[in-house]
Amino acid sequence: MLEHYFQCPYCLAEISILIDPSVSKQQYIEDCEVCCNPIELKIEIEEGEILLFDANSIEQ
């Protein structure tokens, strides 16, 4: 597992997630552990390294 830190697009808190490096392309929604708003995560991994990491707010 890879630990990755990023800033919540809503409350700007620094939060971390664990990423499974065995899945090369991932897209899912995770709630911020501080403000509980949904964050859309898009991740691309190659050879154990994160090539793309996007954390975006979801329009409601």
N, C-alpha and C. Protein backbone atom coordinates (compact mmCIF):
# COMPACT_ATOMS: atom_id res chain seq x y z
N MET A 1 0.84 -1.19 0.00
CA MET A 1 0.00 0.00 0.00
C MET A 1 0.89 1.25 0.00
N LEU A 2 0.40 2.25 -0.70
CA LEU A 2 1.09 3.54 -0.74
C LEU A 2 0.28 4.55 0.07
N GLU A 3 0.93 5.28 0.95
CA GLU A 3 0.24 6.35 1.67
C GLU A 3 0.47 7.65 0.90
N HIS A 4 -0.64 8.38 0.67
CA HIS A 4 -0.55 9.63 -0.09
C HIS A 4 -1.29 10.72 0.67
N TYR A 5 -0.64 11.87 0.82
CA TYR A 5 -1.25 13.02 1.49
C TYR A 5 -1.74 14.01 0.44
N PHE A 6 -2.91 14.59 0.70
CA PHE A 6 -3.44 15.61 -0.20
C PHE A 6 -4.33 16.56 0.58
N GLN A 7 -4.69 17.66 -0.06
CA GLN A 7 -5.49 18.69 0.59
C GLN A 7 -6.96 18.54 0.17
N CYS A 8 -7.85 18.55 1.14
CA CYS A 8 -9.29 18.48 0.86
C CYS A 8 -9.70 19.71 0.05
N PRO A 9 -10.42 19.52 -1.06
CA PRO A 9 -10.84 20.67 -1.86
C PRO A 9 -11.92 21.53 -1.20
N TYR A 10 -12.50 21.06 -0.12
CA TYR A 10 -13.54 21.81 0.60
C TYR A 10 -12.96 22.60 1.78
N CYS A 11 -12.39 21.88 2.75
CA CYS A 11 -11.95 22.52 4.00
C CYS A 11 -10.44 22.79 4.03
N LEU A 12 -9.72 22.32 3.01
CA LEU A 12 -8.28 22.52 2.84
C LEU A 12 -7.42 21.80 3.88
N ALA A 13 -8.02 20.89 4.64
CA ALA A 13 -7.25 20.11 5.60
C ALA A 13 -6.37 19.10 4.86
N GLU A 14 -5.20 18.83 5.41
CA GLU A 14 -4.35 17.80 4.84
C GLU A 14 -4.82 16.45 5.37
N ILE A 15 -5.15 15.56 4.45
CA ILE A 15 -5.60 14.22 4.83
C ILE A 15 -4.77 13.19 4.07
N SER A 16 -4.81 11.96 4.52
CA SER A 16 -4.05 10.92 3.84
C SER A 16 -4.95 9.73 3.52
N ILE A 17 -4.57 9.01 2.47
CA ILE A 17 -5.27 7.78 2.12
C ILE A 17 -4.22 6.72 1.80
N LEU A 18 -4.65 5.48 1.86
CA LEU A 18 -3.82 4.37 1.44
C LEU A 18 -4.29 3.94 0.06
N ILE A 19 -3.35 3.79 -0.87
CA ILE A 19 -3.66 3.45 -2.25
C ILE A 19 -3.08 2.07 -2.56
N ASP A 20 -3.90 1.23 -3.17
CA ASP A 20 -3.46 -0.10 -3.59
C ASP A 20 -2.69 0.03 -4.90
N PRO A 21 -1.38 -0.20 -4.91
CA PRO A 21 -0.60 -0.01 -6.13
C PRO A 21 -0.80 -1.11 -7.18
N SER A 22 -1.53 -2.17 -6.85
CA SER A 22 -1.74 -3.26 -7.81
C SER A 22 -2.83 -2.92 -8.84
N VAL A 23 -3.58 -1.83 -8.61
CA VAL A 23 -4.61 -1.38 -9.55
C VAL A 23 -4.09 -0.12 -10.24
N SER A 24 -3.84 -0.21 -11.56
CA SER A 24 -3.16 0.90 -12.25
C SER A 24 -4.02 2.14 -12.42
N LYS A 25 -5.33 1.99 -12.65
CA LYS A 25 -6.22 3.15 -12.78
C LYS A 25 -7.38 3.00 -11.80
N GLN A 26 -7.57 4.03 -11.00
CA GLN A 26 -8.61 4.00 -9.97
C GLN A 26 -9.40 5.30 -10.01
N GLN A 27 -10.71 5.19 -9.79
CA GLN A 27 -11.56 6.36 -9.67
C GLN A 27 -12.66 5.99 -8.69
N TYR A 28 -12.76 6.77 -7.61
CA TYR A 28 -13.78 6.50 -6.61
C TYR A 28 -14.03 7.74 -5.77
N ILE A 29 -15.04 7.65 -4.91
CA ILE A 29 -15.40 8.77 -4.04
C ILE A 29 -15.08 8.40 -2.61
N GLU A 30 -14.40 9.30 -1.94
CA GLU A 30 -14.01 9.12 -0.53
C GLU A 30 -14.44 10.37 0.22
N ASP A 31 -15.01 10.21 1.40
CA ASP A 31 -15.41 11.36 2.21
C ASP A 31 -14.20 11.90 2.97
N CYS A 32 -14.12 13.23 3.05
CA CYS A 32 -13.07 13.86 3.84
C CYS A 32 -13.24 13.45 5.30
N GLU A 33 -12.16 13.07 5.95
CA GLU A 33 -12.24 12.65 7.35
C GLU A 33 -12.43 13.82 8.30
N VAL A 34 -12.26 15.06 7.80
CA VAL A 34 -12.43 16.25 8.64
C VAL A 34 -13.82 16.86 8.47
N CYS A 35 -14.19 17.19 7.22
CA CYS A 35 -15.47 17.89 6.98
C CYS A 35 -16.58 16.99 6.43
N CYS A 36 -16.25 15.74 6.10
CA CYS A 36 -17.20 14.72 5.63
C CYS A 36 -17.80 14.98 4.25
N ASN A 37 -17.28 15.93 3.50
CA ASN A 37 -17.75 16.15 2.13
C ASN A 37 -17.15 15.11 1.19
N PRO A 38 -17.88 14.75 0.11
CA PRO A 38 -17.38 13.74 -0.83
C PRO A 38 -16.32 14.31 -1.76
N ILE A 39 -15.24 13.54 -1.94
CA ILE A 39 -14.14 13.93 -2.81
C ILE A 39 -14.00 12.86 -3.89
N GLU A 40 -14.00 13.29 -5.15
CA GLU A 40 -13.77 12.36 -6.25
C GLU A 40 -12.27 12.22 -6.46
N LEU A 41 -11.78 10.99 -6.35
CA LEU A 41 -10.36 10.71 -6.51
C LEU A 41 -10.12 9.99 -7.83
N LYS A 42 -9.14 10.46 -8.58
CA LYS A 42 -8.69 9.80 -9.80
C LYS A 42 -7.20 9.56 -9.65
N ILE A 43 -6.81 8.29 -9.80
CA ILE A 43 -5.42 7.91 -9.52
C ILE A 43 -4.92 7.00 -10.63
N GLU A 44 -3.69 7.24 -11.08
CA GLU A 44 -3.03 6.35 -12.03
C GLU A 44 -1.67 5.99 -11.46
N ILE A 45 -1.37 4.69 -11.48
CA ILE A 45 -0.13 4.17 -10.90
C ILE A 45 0.59 3.32 -11.94
N GLU A 46 1.90 3.47 -12.00
CA GLU A 46 2.71 2.63 -12.88
C GLU A 46 3.97 2.24 -12.14
N GLU A 47 4.24 0.95 -12.09
CA GLU A 47 5.43 0.41 -11.43
C GLU A 47 5.59 0.92 -10.00
N GLY A 48 4.47 0.98 -9.27
CA GLY A 48 4.50 1.37 -7.87
C GLY A 48 4.61 2.86 -7.61
N GLU A 49 4.58 3.69 -8.67
CA GLU A 49 4.66 5.14 -8.50
C GLU A 49 3.38 5.80 -8.97
N ILE A 50 2.95 6.82 -8.26
CA ILE A 50 1.74 7.56 -8.60
C ILE A 50 2.08 8.53 -9.74
N LEU A 51 1.44 8.32 -10.90
CA LEU A 51 1.64 9.20 -12.04
C LEU A 51 0.63 10.34 -12.06
N LEU A 52 -0.59 10.06 -11.60
CA LEU A 52 -1.66 11.06 -11.59
C LEU A 52 -2.43 10.91 -10.29
N PHE A 53 -2.70 12.03 -9.64
CA PHE A 53 -3.56 12.04 -8.46
C PHE A 53 -4.38 13.32 -8.50
N ASP A 54 -5.69 13.18 -8.70
CA ASP A 54 -6.60 14.31 -8.69
C ASP A 54 -7.63 14.11 -7.57
N ALA A 55 -7.83 15.14 -6.77
CA ALA A 55 -8.84 15.13 -5.71
C ALA A 55 -9.74 16.34 -5.95
N ASN A 56 -10.96 16.09 -6.38
CA ASN A 56 -11.86 17.18 -6.76
C ASN A 56 -13.15 17.15 -5.97
N SER A 57 -13.71 18.34 -5.75
CA SER A 57 -15.02 18.44 -5.11
C SER A 57 -16.08 17.95 -6.08
N ILE A 58 -17.20 17.53 -5.53
CA ILE A 58 -18.31 17.04 -6.34
C ILE A 58 -19.42 18.08 -6.28
N GLU A 59 -19.85 18.54 -7.45
CA GLU A 59 -20.93 19.51 -7.52
C GLU A 59 -22.23 18.88 -7.05
N GLN A 60 -22.93 19.56 -6.18
CA GLN A 60 -24.18 18.99 -5.64
C GLN A 60 -25.34 19.85 -6.03
